[in-house]
Amino acid sequence: MRTRLTRIYVEAAGLLTLAAVAASLWLATGPAGWRALAGAIPWLLALGLIGASKALPAARVRRFRRHPWWLYGLSAASASAALTADWRAGAIGAAGLATTLGYTAWFARQHTPSPVVALGAPLPAFPLQTVEGEEVGSAALTHQPHVILFYRGEWCPFCVAQITAIADQYRELSSRGVRVALISNRRAEETEALSRRFDAPMDFYVDAGGAAAQALDIVQSGGTPVTYDGGTGGDTVVPTVIITREDGTVAWLHHADDHRIRPEPSVYLEVIDREGIGSARRHA
């Protein structure tokens, strides 16, 4: 049930916003007057929060916060104002506020992986393919230090913003002898199309069928909206970053607990310099 709800959440929010605006306009023509329109405001704010990531620059997307308290307050005030006009308008506004809270406190929350990946231990074995379809496995990532990023897909603006930020720092990573590997369960053609958008020699891989995500316990069930299925069955990944040393052992690990909030690339450089990974000692 939860999987079905998460997959339709974004699309349902859009359709319900249209319905809320239409109902508020209808109520505004009656005794409630124009104050009934306040009931639609929380819905418009919710839709703005959900859809804003597609319109904001990458730097702004990376700085999302888990709880936009100002937006909660404005939505609550609007719902209260609508309630003074008509209980139905107040109910519409309250439902809009609930949609915002559902998005930030439930929909955006991520699965908590079990400790399959452990600091100081070798990178676990998992299947992997190149965009050309060659089976390489995780052994391809152990020949030199890596920043390994499991991302949700080309449809996710937060992932694209994160990859853009890494591409901007690629020279810094490359000068330290660190490669970047980007892994998604999306189709090879979609992954390849995304790779062409960046003028940086990062390595894109395909996690066919989500087998690698399953091996690392980072599957996010129902995390892909229905309009972006792309043959994934609806599952995606918990956005995950793994930094490895020269010997293939894990130096740093980050699982996002909210799909909107990702580490800045400066954090990767700090870890690499602190741990003396690759040629980082020259930069410390």
C-alpha atoms as a PDB file:
ATOM      1  CA  MET A   1       0.000   0.000   0.000  1.00  0.00           C
ATOM      2  CA  ARG A   2       2.771   2.432   0.940  1.00  0.00           C
ATOM      3  CA  THR A   3       4.573   1.738  -2.340  1.00  0.00           C
ATOM      4  CA  ARG A   4       1.467   2.534  -4.386  1.00  0.00           C
ATOM      5  CA  LEU A   5       0.855   5.742  -2.447  1.00  0.00           C
ATOM      6  CA  THR A   6       4.418   7.004  -2.835  1.00  0.00           C
ATOM      7  CA  ARG A   7       4.426   6.322  -6.552  1.00  0.00           C
ATOM      8  CA  ILE A   8       1.356   8.480  -7.173  1.00  0.00           C
ATOM      9  CA  TYR A   9       1.988  11.128  -4.497  1.00  0.00           C
ATOM     10  CA  VAL A  10       3.436  13.841  -6.741  1.00  0.00           C
ATOM     11  CA  GLU A  11       0.923  13.363  -9.543  1.00  0.00           C
ATOM     12  CA  ALA A  12      -1.979  13.161  -7.072  1.00  0.00           C
ATOM     13  CA  ALA A  13      -0.860  16.386  -5.402  1.00  0.00           C
ATOM     14  CA  GLY A  14      -1.024  18.152  -8.769  1.00  0.00           C
ATOM     15  CA  LEU A  15      -4.513  16.886  -9.585  1.00  0.00           C
ATOM     16  CA  LEU A  16      -5.836  17.618  -6.103  1.00  0.00           C
ATOM     17  CA  THR A  17      -4.437  21.144  -6.270  1.00  0.00           C
ATOM     18  CA  LEU A  18      -6.509  21.780  -9.387  1.00  0.00           C
ATOM     19  CA  ALA A  19      -9.561  20.384  -7.607  1.00  0.00           C
ATOM     20  CA  ALA A  20      -8.875  22.526  -4.514  1.00  0.00           C
ATOM     21  CA  VAL A  21      -8.548  25.698  -6.581  1.00  0.00           C
ATOM     22  CA  ALA A  22     -11.786  24.903  -8.440  1.00  0.00           C
ATOM     23  CA  ALA A  23     -13.665  24.208  -5.183  1.00  0.00           C
ATOM     24  CA  SER A  24     -12.318  27.398  -3.582  1.00  0.00           C
ATOM     25  CA  LEU A  25     -13.434  29.459  -6.574  1.00  0.00           C
ATOM     26  CA  TRP A  26     -16.896  27.913  -6.358  1.00  0.00           C
ATOM     27  CA  LEU A  27     -17.120  28.669  -2.622  1.00  0.00           C
ATOM     28  CA  ALA A  28     -15.949  32.237  -3.282  1.00  0.00           C
ATOM     29  CA  THR A  29     -19.027  32.835  -5.432  1.00  0.00           C
ATOM     30  CA  GLY A  30     -21.285  32.018  -2.456  1.00  0.00           C
ATOM     31  CA  PRO A  31     -21.810  33.552   0.985  1.00  0.00           C
ATOM     32  CA  ALA A  32     -18.220  32.768   2.035  1.00  0.00           C
ATOM     33  CA  GLY A  33     -16.933  35.366  -0.413  1.00  0.00           C
ATOM     34  CA  TRP A  34     -13.363  35.899  -1.480  1.00  0.00           C
ATOM     35  CA  ARG A  35     -11.974  34.681   1.865  1.00  0.00           C
ATOM     36  CA  ALA A  36     -12.777  31.138   0.744  1.00  0.00           C
ATOM     37  CA  LEU A  37      -9.935  31.456  -1.749  1.00  0.00           C
ATOM     38  CA  ALA A  38      -7.525  31.208   1.185  1.00  0.00           C
ATOM     39  CA  GLY A  39      -8.311  27.503   1.271  1.00  0.00           C
ATOM     40  CA  ALA A  40      -6.473  27.010  -2.020  1.00  0.00           C
ATOM     41  CA  ILE A  41      -3.271  28.702  -0.818  1.00  0.00           C
ATOM     42  CA  PRO A  42      -1.887  25.718   1.164  1.00  0.00           C
ATOM     43  CA  TRP A  43      -2.369  23.522  -1.901  1.00  0.00           C
ATOM     44  CA  LEU A  44      -0.540  25.978  -4.132  1.00  0.00           C
ATOM     45  CA  LEU A  45       2.283  26.183  -1.584  1.00  0.00           C
ATOM     46  CA  ALA A  46       2.476  22.387  -1.395  1.00  0.00           C
ATOM     47  CA  LEU A  47       2.637  22.094  -5.172  1.00  0.00           C
ATOM     48  CA  GLY A  48       5.248  24.852  -5.250  1.00  0.00           C
ATOM     49  CA  LEU A  49       7.411  22.991  -2.733  1.00  0.00           C
ATOM     50  CA  ILE A  50       7.144  19.723  -4.626  1.00  0.00           C
ATOM     51  CA  GLY A  51       7.721  21.261  -8.041  1.00  0.00           C
ATOM     52  CA  ALA A  52      10.183  24.021  -7.145  1.00  0.00           C
ATOM     53  CA  SER A  53      13.189  21.723  -7.469  1.00  0.00           C
ATOM     54  CA  LYS A  54      12.661  21.466 -11.218  1.00  0.00           C
ATOM     55  CA  ALA A  55      12.830  25.237 -11.642  1.00  0.00           C
ATOM     56  CA  LEU A  56      15.521  26.212  -9.163  1.00  0.00           C
ATOM     57  CA  PRO A  57      19.219  26.404 -10.036  1.00  0.00           C
ATOM     58  CA  ALA A  58      21.294  23.425  -8.932  1.00  0.00           C
ATOM     59  CA  ALA A  59      22.963  25.361  -6.114  1.00  0.00           C
ATOM     60  CA  ARG A  60      19.565  26.196  -4.608  1.00  0.00           C
ATOM     61  CA  VAL A  61      18.251  22.642  -4.952  1.00  0.00           C
ATOM     62  CA  ARG A  62      21.201  21.296  -2.970  1.00  0.00           C
ATOM     63  CA  ARG A  63      20.279  23.585  -0.085  1.00  0.00           C
ATOM     64  CA  PHE A  64      16.772  22.319   0.577  1.00  0.00           C
ATOM     65  CA  ARG A  65      15.913  21.893   4.245  1.00  0.00           C
ATOM     66  CA  ARG A  66      13.896  19.065   5.717  1.00  0.00           C
ATOM     67  CA  HIS A  67      11.260  21.262   7.333  1.00  0.00           C
ATOM     68  CA  PRO A  68      10.287  24.631   5.740  1.00  0.00           C
ATOM     69  CA  TRP A  69       8.748  26.077   8.880  1.00  0.00           C
ATOM     70  CA  TRP A  70       7.843  29.376   7.230  1.00  0.00           C
ATOM     71  CA  LEU A  71       5.792  27.475   4.667  1.00  0.00           C
ATOM     72  CA  TYR A  72       4.060  25.436   7.357  1.00  0.00           C
ATOM     73  CA  GLY A  73       3.156  28.642   9.171  1.00  0.00           C
ATOM     74  CA  LEU A  74       1.838  30.368   6.056  1.00  0.00           C
ATOM     75  CA  SER A  75      -0.236  27.314   5.131  1.00  0.00           C
ATOM     76  CA  ALA A  76      -1.696  27.063   8.630  1.00  0.00           C
ATOM     77  CA  ALA A  77      -2.557  30.772   8.641  1.00  0.00           C
ATOM     78  CA  SER A  78      -4.253  30.452   5.246  1.00  0.00           C
ATOM     79  CA  ALA A  79      -6.265  27.427   6.370  1.00  0.00           C
ATOM     80  CA  SER A  80      -7.357  29.307   9.485  1.00  0.00           C
ATOM     81  CA  ALA A  81      -8.433  32.321   7.432  1.00  0.00           C
ATOM     82  CA  ALA A  82     -10.416  30.050   5.116  1.00  0.00           C
ATOM     83  CA  LEU A  83     -12.122  28.430   8.108  1.00  0.00           C
ATOM     84  CA  THR A  84     -13.505  31.804   9.234  1.00  0.00           C
ATOM     85  CA  ALA A  85     -15.231  32.045   5.873  1.00  0.00           C
ATOM     86  CA  ASP A  86     -16.608  28.509   5.523  1.00  0.00           C
ATOM     87  CA  TRP A  87     -15.815  25.202   7.198  1.00  0.00           C
ATOM     88  CA  ARG A  88     -15.457  23.598   3.773  1.00  0.00           C
ATOM     89  CA  ALA A  89     -12.843  26.159   2.738  1.00  0.00           C
ATOM     90  CA  GLY A  90     -11.044  25.518   6.023  1.00  0.00           C
ATOM     91  CA  ALA A  91     -11.067  21.775   5.361  1.00  0.00           C
ATOM     92  CA  ILE A  92      -9.613  22.342   1.888  1.00  0.00           C
ATOM     93  CA  GLY A  93      -6.827  24.430   3.384  1.00  0.00           C
ATOM     94  CA  ALA A  94      -6.108  21.887   6.135  1.00  0.00           C
ATOM     95  CA  ALA A  95      -5.824  19.123   3.530  1.00  0.00           C
ATOM     96  CA  GLY A  96      -3.300  21.236   1.619  1.00  0.00           C
ATOM     97  CA  LEU A  97      -1.208  21.686   4.749  1.00  0.00           C
ATOM     98  CA  ALA A  98      -1.407  17.927   5.377  1.00  0.00           C
ATOM     99  CA  THR A  99      -0.100  17.331   1.849  1.00  0.00           C
ATOM    100  CA  THR A 100       2.951  19.511   2.538  1.00  0.00           C
ATOM    101  CA  LEU A 101       3.609  17.734   5.830  1.00  0.00           C
ATOM    102  CA  GLY A 102       3.167  14.384   4.102  1.00  0.00           C
ATOM    103  CA  TYR A 103       5.757  15.314   1.517  1.00  0.00           C
ATOM    104  CA  THR A 104       8.420  16.535   3.933  1.00  0.00           C
ATOM    105  CA  ALA A 105       7.852  14.114   6.833  1.00  0.00           C
ATOM    106  CA  TRP A 106       6.852  10.959   4.929  1.00  0.00           C
ATOM    107  CA  PHE A 107       7.331  10.966   1.162  1.00  0.00           C
ATOM    108  CA  ALA A 108      10.863  12.396   1.218  1.00  0.00           C
ATOM    109  CA  ARG A 109      12.023  10.110   4.046  1.00  0.00           C
ATOM    110  CA  GLN A 110      14.278   7.257   2.984  1.00  0.00           C
ATOM    111  CA  HIS A 111      14.771   3.632   3.939  1.00  0.00           C
ATOM    112  CA  THR A 112      17.492   3.101   6.568  1.00  0.00           C
ATOM    113  CA  PRO A 113      19.967   0.570   5.115  1.00  0.00           C
ATOM    114  CA  SER A 114      21.476  -2.214   7.175  1.00  0.00           C
ATOM    115  CA  PRO A 115      25.282  -1.991   7.652  1.00  0.00           C
ATOM    116  CA  VAL A 116      26.241  -3.936   4.529  1.00  0.00           C
ATOM    117  CA  VAL A 117      28.857  -1.290   3.705  1.00  0.00           C
ATOM    118  CA  ALA A 118      31.235  -0.812   6.640  1.00  0.00           C
ATOM    119  CA  LEU A 119      33.971   1.754   7.200  1.00  0.00           C
ATOM    120  CA  GLY A 120      37.421   0.230   6.874  1.00  0.00           C
ATOM    121  CA  ALA A 121      36.068  -2.898   5.170  1.00  0.00           C
ATOM    122  CA  PRO A 122      36.456  -3.776   1.482  1.00  0.00           C
ATOM    123  CA  LEU A 123      33.775  -2.502  -0.875  1.00  0.00           C
ATOM    124  CA  PRO A 124      31.167  -5.299  -1.009  1.00  0.00           C
ATOM    125  CA  ALA A 125      30.800  -7.232  -4.236  1.00  0.00           C
ATOM    126  CA  PHE A 126      27.807  -6.301  -6.368  1.00  0.00           C
ATOM    127  CA  PRO A 127      26.862  -6.646 -10.066  1.00  0.00           C
ATOM    128  CA  LEU A 128      27.358  -3.699 -12.391  1.00  0.00           C
ATOM    129  CA  GLN A 129      27.203  -2.915 -16.092  1.00  0.00           C
ATOM    130  CA  THR A 130      28.701  -0.253 -18.302  1.00  0.00           C
ATOM    131  CA  VAL A 131      26.314   1.764 -20.478  1.00  0.00           C
ATOM    132  CA  GLU A 132      27.500  -0.457 -23.349  1.00  0.00           C
ATOM    133  CA  GLY A 133      26.136  -3.503 -21.512  1.00  0.00           C
ATOM    134  CA  GLU A 134      29.464  -5.006 -20.397  1.00  0.00           C
ATOM    135  CA  GLU A 135      29.276  -6.889 -17.087  1.00  0.00           C
ATOM    136  CA  VAL A 136      32.044  -5.520 -14.872  1.00  0.00           C
ATOM    137  CA  GLY A 137      30.905  -5.770 -11.250  1.00  0.00           C
ATOM    138  CA  SER A 138      32.094  -3.676  -8.339  1.00  0.00           C
ATOM    139  CA  ALA A 139      35.653  -4.915  -8.896  1.00  0.00           C
ATOM    140  CA  ALA A 140      35.868  -2.190 -11.567  1.00  0.00           C
ATOM    141  CA  LEU A 141      35.729   0.368  -8.747  1.00  0.00           C
ATOM    142  CA  THR A 142      38.588  -1.010  -6.656  1.00  0.00           C
ATOM    143  CA  HIS A 143      41.590  -0.275  -8.886  1.00  0.00           C
ATOM    144  CA  GLN A 144      41.934   3.291  -7.581  1.00  0.00           C
ATOM    145  CA  PRO A 145      40.221   5.641  -5.090  1.00  0.00           C
ATOM    146  CA  HIS A 146      36.628   6.435  -5.986  1.00  0.00           C
ATOM    147  CA  VAL A 147      33.705   8.624  -5.107  1.00  0.00           C
ATOM    148  CA  ILE A 148      30.818   6.249  -5.810  1.00  0.00           C
ATOM    149  CA  LEU A 149      27.385   7.806  -6.095  1.00  0.00           C
ATOM    150  CA  PHE A 150      24.153   5.816  -6.276  1.00  0.00           C
ATOM    151  CA  TYR A 151      21.562   8.217  -7.690  1.00  0.00           C
ATOM    152  CA  ARG A 152      17.852   7.880  -8.433  1.00  0.00           C
ATOM    153  CA  GLY A 153      17.901   8.781 -12.104  1.00  0.00           C
ATOM    154  CA  GLU A 154      17.953  11.484 -14.754  1.00  0.00           C
ATOM    155  CA  TRP A 155      14.364  12.400 -13.805  1.00  0.00           C
ATOM    156  CA  CYS A 156      15.354  13.470 -10.282  1.00  0.00           C
ATOM    157  CA  PRO A 157      16.322  17.181 -10.067  1.00  0.00           C
ATOM    158  CA  PHE A 158      18.089  16.637  -6.742  1.00  0.00           C
ATOM    159  CA  CYS A 159      20.277  13.939  -8.306  1.00  0.00           C
ATOM    160  CA  VAL A 160      21.066  16.068 -11.352  1.00  0.00           C
ATOM    161  CA  ALA A 161      21.990  18.970  -9.043  1.00  0.00           C
ATOM    162  CA  GLN A 162      24.255  16.656  -7.043  1.00  0.00           C
ATOM    163  CA  ILE A 163      25.957  15.309 -10.170  1.00  0.00           C
ATOM    164  CA  THR A 164      26.351  18.846 -11.528  1.00  0.00           C
ATOM    165  CA  ALA A 165      28.078  19.871  -8.310  1.00  0.00           C
ATOM    166  CA  ILE A 166      30.440  16.903  -8.521  1.00  0.00           C
ATOM    167  CA  ALA A 167      31.204  17.702 -12.161  1.00  0.00           C
ATOM    168  CA  ASP A 168      32.095  21.260 -11.117  1.00  0.00           C
ATOM    169  CA  GLN A 169      34.622  19.818  -8.639  1.00  0.00           C
ATOM    170  CA  TYR A 170      35.921  17.126 -10.965  1.00  0.00           C
ATOM    171  CA  ARG A 171      39.330  18.711 -11.523  1.00  0.00           C
ATOM    172  CA  GLU A 172      39.902  18.854  -7.769  1.00  0.00           C
ATOM    173  CA  LEU A 173      39.008  15.186  -7.428  1.00  0.00           C
ATOM    174  CA  SER A 174      41.035  14.171 -10.480  1.00  0.00           C
ATOM    175  CA  SER A 175      44.127  16.016  -9.218  1.00  0.00           C
ATOM    176  CA  ARG A 176      43.918  13.826  -6.111  1.00  0.00           C
ATOM    177  CA  GLY A 177      43.817  10.665  -8.190  1.00  0.00           C
ATOM    178  CA  VAL A 178      40.152   9.997  -7.391  1.00  0.00           C
ATOM    179  CA  ARG A 179      37.643   8.829  -9.999  1.00  0.00           C
ATOM    180  CA  VAL A 180      33.887   9.344  -9.897  1.00  0.00           C
ATOM    181  CA  ALA A 181      31.471   6.454 -10.511  1.00  0.00           C
ATOM    182  CA  LEU A 182      27.749   7.215 -10.916  1.00  0.00           C
ATOM    183  CA  ILE A 183      25.321   4.299 -10.644  1.00  0.00           C
ATOM    184  CA  SER A 184      21.592   4.134 -11.379  1.00  0.00           C
ATOM    185  CA  ASN A 185      19.041   1.431 -12.153  1.00  0.00           C
ATOM    186  CA  ARG A 186      17.737   3.410 -15.126  1.00  0.00           C
ATOM    187  CA  ARG A 187      17.953   2.073 -18.681  1.00  0.00           C
ATOM    188  CA  ALA A 188      21.363   2.264 -20.343  1.00  0.00           C
ATOM    189  CA  GLU A 189      20.156   4.747 -22.970  1.00  0.00           C
ATOM    190  CA  GLU A 190      18.815   7.090 -20.277  1.00  0.00           C
ATOM    191  CA  THR A 191      22.033   6.837 -18.287  1.00  0.00           C
ATOM    192  CA  GLU A 192      24.104   7.484 -21.411  1.00  0.00           C
ATOM    193  CA  ALA A 193      21.971  10.509 -22.315  1.00  0.00           C
ATOM    194  CA  LEU A 194      22.577  11.938 -18.838  1.00  0.00           C
ATOM    195  CA  SER A 195      26.318  11.335 -19.108  1.00  0.00           C
ATOM    196  CA  ARG A 196      26.479  13.441 -22.284  1.00  0.00           C
ATOM    197  CA  ARG A 197      25.191  16.467 -20.364  1.00  0.00           C
ATOM    198  CA  PHE A 198      28.405  16.827 -18.364  1.00  0.00           C
ATOM    199  CA  ASP A 199      31.782  17.950 -19.643  1.00  0.00           C
ATOM    200  CA  ALA A 200      33.684  15.853 -17.113  1.00  0.00           C
ATOM    201  CA  PRO A 201      35.106  12.318 -17.534  1.00  0.00           C
ATOM    202  CA  MET A 202      32.937  10.666 -14.895  1.00  0.00           C
ATOM    203  CA  ASP A 203      32.073   6.978 -15.196  1.00  0.00           C
ATOM    204  CA  PHE A 204      28.371   6.128 -15.534  1.00  0.00           C
ATOM    205  CA  TYR A 205      27.201   2.602 -14.750  1.00  0.00           C
ATOM    206  CA  VAL A 206      23.897   0.736 -14.922  1.00  0.00           C
ATOM    207  CA  ASP A 207      22.526  -1.257 -12.010  1.00  0.00           C
ATOM    208  CA  ALA A 208      20.392  -3.613 -14.117  1.00  0.00           C
ATOM    209  CA  GLY A 209      17.290  -4.677 -12.232  1.00  0.00           C
ATOM    210  CA  GLY A 210      18.503  -2.924  -9.105  1.00  0.00           C
ATOM    211  CA  ALA A 211      20.685  -5.927  -8.180  1.00  0.00           C
ATOM    212  CA  ALA A 212      23.487  -3.762  -6.768  1.00  0.00           C
ATOM    213  CA  ALA A 213      21.035  -1.744  -4.687  1.00  0.00           C
ATOM    214  CA  GLN A 214      19.582  -4.975  -3.323  1.00  0.00           C
ATOM    215  CA  ALA A 215      23.039  -6.292  -2.438  1.00  0.00           C
ATOM    216  CA  LEU A 216      23.771  -3.083  -0.481  1.00  0.00           C
ATOM    217  CA  ASP A 217      20.253  -2.819   1.023  1.00  0.00           C
ATOM    218  CA  ILE A 218      19.691   0.646  -0.451  1.00  0.00           C
ATOM    219  CA  VAL A 219      16.483  -0.080  -2.379  1.00  0.00           C
ATOM    220  CA  GLN A 220      13.821   2.610  -1.923  1.00  0.00           C
ATOM    221  CA  SER A 221      10.562   0.815  -2.664  1.00  0.00           C
ATOM    222  CA  GLY A 222       8.141   2.853  -4.740  1.00  0.00           C
ATOM    223  CA  GLY A 223      10.520   5.784  -4.913  1.00  0.00           C
ATOM    224  CA  THR A 224      10.003   6.388  -8.638  1.00  0.00           C
ATOM    225  CA  PRO A 225       6.873   8.376  -9.608  1.00  0.00           C
ATOM    226  CA  VAL A 226       4.592   6.533 -12.042  1.00  0.00           C
ATOM    227  CA  THR A 227       5.328   8.982 -14.858  1.00  0.00           C
ATOM    228  CA  TYR A 228       9.073   8.166 -14.666  1.00  0.00           C
ATOM    229  CA  ASP A 229       8.920   4.378 -14.330  1.00  0.00           C
ATOM    230  CA  GLY A 230      11.508   3.685 -17.035  1.00  0.00           C
ATOM    231  CA  GLY A 231      11.265  -0.076 -16.563  1.00  0.00           C
ATOM    232  CA  THR A 232      12.365   0.005 -12.932  1.00  0.00           C
ATOM    233  CA  GLY A 233       9.162  -1.438 -11.496  1.00  0.00           C
ATOM    234  CA  GLY A 234       8.840   1.675  -9.377  1.00  0.00           C
ATOM    235  CA  ASP A 235      11.821   1.062  -7.103  1.00  0.00           C
ATOM    236  CA  THR A 236      14.806   3.367  -6.890  1.00  0.00           C
ATOM    237  CA  VAL A 237      17.715   3.833  -4.467  1.00  0.00           C
ATOM    238  CA  VAL A 238      18.445   5.639  -1.263  1.00  0.00           C
ATOM    239  CA  PRO A 239      20.870   8.345  -2.518  1.00  0.00           C
ATOM    240  CA  THR A 240      24.214   7.012  -1.321  1.00  0.00           C
ATOM    241  CA  VAL A 241      27.827   8.174  -1.515  1.00  0.00           C
ATOM    242  CA  ILE A 242      30.774   5.852  -0.833  1.00  0.00           C
ATOM    243  CA  ILE A 243      34.384   7.029  -0.859  1.00  0.00           C
ATOM    244  CA  THR A 244      37.021   4.312  -1.198  1.00  0.00           C
ATOM    245  CA  ARG A 245      40.782   4.234  -0.667  1.00  0.00           C
ATOM    246  CA  GLU A 246      43.481   2.926  -3.003  1.00  0.00           C
ATOM    247  CA  ASP A 247      43.056  -0.622  -1.677  1.00  0.00           C
ATOM    248  CA  GLY A 248      39.292  -0.619  -2.258  1.00  0.00           C
ATOM    249  CA  THR A 249      38.337  -0.244   1.403  1.00  0.00           C
ATOM    250  CA  VAL A 250      35.587   2.141   2.437  1.00  0.00           C
ATOM    251  CA  ALA A 251      36.762   5.458   3.890  1.00  0.00           C
ATOM    252  CA  TRP A 252      33.418   7.297   4.105  1.00  0.00           C
ATOM    253  CA  LEU A 253      29.745   6.518   3.672  1.00  0.00           C
ATOM    254  CA  HIS A 254      26.598   8.643   3.488  1.00  0.00           C
ATOM    255  CA  HIS A 255      23.002   7.480   3.074  1.00  0.00           C
ATOM    256  CA  ALA A 256      20.501  10.299   2.571  1.00  0.00           C
ATOM    257  CA  ASP A 257      17.626  10.094   5.052  1.00  0.00           C
ATOM    258  CA  ASP A 258      15.702  12.687   2.994  1.00  0.00           C
ATOM    259  CA  HIS A 259      15.907  12.487  -0.796  1.00  0.00           C
ATOM    260  CA  ARG A 260      16.140  16.287  -1.084  1.00  0.00           C
ATOM    261  CA  ILE A 261      19.211  16.741   1.113  1.00  0.00           C
ATOM    262  CA  ARG A 262      22.642  15.698  -0.204  1.00  0.00           C
ATOM    263  CA  PRO A 263      26.238  16.352   0.930  1.00  0.00           C
ATOM    264  CA  GLU A 264      28.114  19.172  -0.760  1.00  0.00           C
ATOM    265  CA  PRO A 265      31.136  18.059  -2.860  1.00  0.00           C
ATOM    266  CA  SER A 266      33.366  20.063  -0.530  1.00  0.00           C
ATOM    267  CA  VAL A 267      32.643  17.369   2.059  1.00  0.00           C
ATOM    268  CA  TYR A 268      34.133  14.727  -0.258  1.00  0.00           C
ATOM    269  CA  LEU A 269      37.301  16.779  -0.665  1.00  0.00           C
ATOM    270  CA  GLU A 270      37.572  17.241   3.097  1.00  0.00           C
ATOM    271  CA  VAL A 271      37.309  13.481   3.627  1.00  0.00           C
ATOM    272  CA  ILE A 272      39.835  12.713   0.898  1.00  0.00           C
ATOM    273  CA  ASP A 273      42.335  15.225   2.264  1.00  0.00           C
ATOM    274  CA  ARG A 274      41.803  14.191   5.871  1.00  0.00           C
ATOM    275  CA  GLU A 275      42.231  10.496   5.084  1.00  0.00           C
ATOM    276  CA  GLY A 276      45.198  11.094   2.767  1.00  0.00           C
ATOM    277  CA  ILE A 277      43.461   9.235  -0.064  1.00  0.00           C
ATOM    278  CA  GLY A 278      45.241   9.026  -3.419  1.00  0.00           C
ATOM    279  CA  SER A 279      47.531  11.993  -3.908  1.00  0.00           C
ATOM    280  CA  ALA A 280      45.582  14.097  -1.386  1.00  0.00           C
ATOM    281  CA  ARG A 281      48.620  14.623   0.813  1.00  0.00           C
ATOM    282  CA  ARG A 282      49.893  17.167  -1.706  1.00  0.00           C
ATOM    283  CA  HIS A 283      46.698  19.189  -1.227  1.00  0.00           C
ATOM    284  CA  ALA A 284      46.334  18.982   2.540  1.00  0.00           C
END
